[in-house]
Amino acid sequence: PTPVIRWIKEGGELPANRTFFENFKKTLKIIDVSEADSGNYKCIARNTLGSTHHVISVTVKAAPYWITAPRNLVLSPGEDGMLICRANGNPKPHISWLSNGVPI
């Protein structure tokens, strides 16, 4: 008999309101993907004679983006200043500091 197909995300739930099934549930479609969608997805096929499954590993790559972008400072001599640069991405970006084009 034709199997019933079911999809699960291991260790979590399928993305709510962004998950669609196509081709009689043989295709799982996720729209507006985010880094949180990375993980292992399991496709399970079951009928009266048994079941089988396959695990698909999904990795979401992301270009660097600002968590906290640096802000300009105007300081007087003798004052203290703090520059904060927080970025994320996958792979994790390397942050480097330069002063007038010269590495600090």
Protein backbone atom coordinates (compact mmCIF):
# COMPACT_ATOMS: atom_id res chain seq x y z
CA PRO A 1 0.00 0.00 0.00
CA THR A 2 1.03 3.61 -0.54
CA PRO A 3 2.86 4.83 2.56
CA VAL A 4 1.79 7.73 4.74
CA ILE A 5 4.61 10.26 4.96
CA ARG A 6 5.38 12.33 8.03
CA TRP A 7 8.07 14.95 8.65
CA ILE A 8 9.62 15.91 11.99
CA LYS A 9 12.49 18.13 13.09
CA GLU A 10 14.70 16.30 15.55
CA GLY A 11 14.94 18.13 18.87
CA GLY A 12 12.32 20.71 17.90
CA GLU A 13 9.24 21.46 15.89
CA LEU A 14 8.72 22.25 12.24
CA PRO A 15 8.67 26.02 11.69
CA ALA A 16 5.11 27.19 12.39
CA ASN A 17 3.26 28.98 9.58
CA ARG A 18 6.28 28.62 7.25
CA THR A 19 6.09 24.90 6.50
CA PHE A 20 4.28 23.51 3.47
CA PHE A 21 4.05 20.05 1.96
CA GLU A 22 4.06 19.30 -1.75
CA ASN A 23 3.91 16.22 -3.95
CA PHE A 24 1.70 14.22 -1.54
CA LYS A 25 3.90 15.18 1.45
CA LYS A 26 7.04 13.86 -0.28
CA THR A 27 8.45 17.39 -0.32
CA LEU A 28 8.82 19.60 2.76
CA LYS A 29 9.04 23.30 1.86
CA ILE A 30 10.14 25.95 4.37
CA ILE A 31 9.75 29.60 3.40
CA ASP A 32 11.62 32.60 4.83
CA VAL A 33 14.39 30.37 6.23
CA SER A 34 16.36 31.54 9.29
CA GLU A 35 19.40 30.19 11.13
CA ALA A 36 17.07 28.60 13.69
CA ASP A 37 15.84 26.28 10.91
CA SER A 38 19.21 24.48 10.87
CA GLY A 39 19.05 20.95 12.20
CA ASN A 40 18.11 17.39 11.33
CA TYR A 41 14.81 16.74 9.59
CA LYS A 42 13.39 13.23 9.48
CA CYS A 43 11.10 11.90 6.75
CA ILE A 44 9.15 8.83 7.89
CA ALA A 45 7.23 6.60 5.47
CA ARG A 46 4.84 4.06 7.00
CA ASN A 47 2.27 1.57 5.70
CA THR A 48 0.71 -1.66 6.99
CA LEU A 49 3.88 -3.61 6.16
CA GLY A 50 6.31 -1.42 8.10
CA SER A 51 8.16 1.85 8.07
CA THR A 52 11.42 3.46 7.05
CA HIS A 53 12.96 6.86 7.59
CA HIS A 54 15.74 9.10 6.39
CA VAL A 55 17.43 11.99 8.19
CA ILE A 56 18.35 15.09 6.24
CA SER A 57 20.84 17.53 7.78
CA VAL A 58 20.07 21.18 7.02
CA THR A 59 22.64 23.94 7.59
CA VAL A 60 21.60 27.54 7.06
CA LYS A 61 24.47 29.84 6.06
CA ALA A 62 24.21 33.57 6.73
CA ALA A 63 26.34 36.49 5.60
CA PRO A 64 27.60 38.67 8.45
CA TYR A 65 24.98 40.95 9.95
CA TRP A 66 25.04 43.49 12.76
CA ILE A 67 23.80 42.63 16.22
CA THR A 68 25.09 45.98 17.47
CA ALA A 69 26.61 48.26 14.85
CA PRO A 70 29.44 50.57 15.94
CA ARG A 71 28.45 54.19 16.58
CA ASN A 72 30.46 57.32 15.97
CA LEU A 73 31.99 59.01 19.01
CA VAL A 74 32.99 62.60 19.58
CA LEU A 75 35.44 62.83 22.48
CA SER A 76 37.53 65.51 24.11
CA PRO A 77 41.14 64.90 25.16
CA GLY A 78 41.30 62.92 28.39
CA GLU A 79 37.83 61.38 27.99
CA ASP A 80 37.23 57.65 27.78
CA GLY A 81 35.38 56.13 24.86
CA MET A 82 34.05 52.66 24.10
CA LEU A 83 33.41 51.27 20.64
CA ILE A 84 31.19 48.20 20.43
CA CYS A 85 31.01 46.00 17.35
CA ARG A 86 28.80 42.91 17.56
CA ALA A 87 28.17 40.85 14.45
CA ASN A 88 26.94 37.35 13.74
CA GLY A 89 26.63 35.01 10.79
CA ASN A 90 27.31 31.43 9.77
CA PRO A 91 30.17 30.80 9.62
CA LYS A 92 30.85 33.16 12.54
CA PRO A 93 32.50 36.32 11.19
CA HIS A 94 35.96 37.47 12.27
CA ILE A 95 35.92 41.02 13.64
CA SER A 96 39.00 43.17 13.20
CA TRP A 97 39.65 46.76 14.25
CA LEU A 98 41.57 49.33 12.23
CA SER A 99 42.49 52.92 13.03
CA ASN A 100 42.87 55.05 9.89
CA GLY A 101 43.28 51.85 7.87
CA VAL A 102 45.96 50.35 10.15
CA PRO A 103 45.18 47.25 12.25
CA ILE A 104 45.06 47.94 15.98
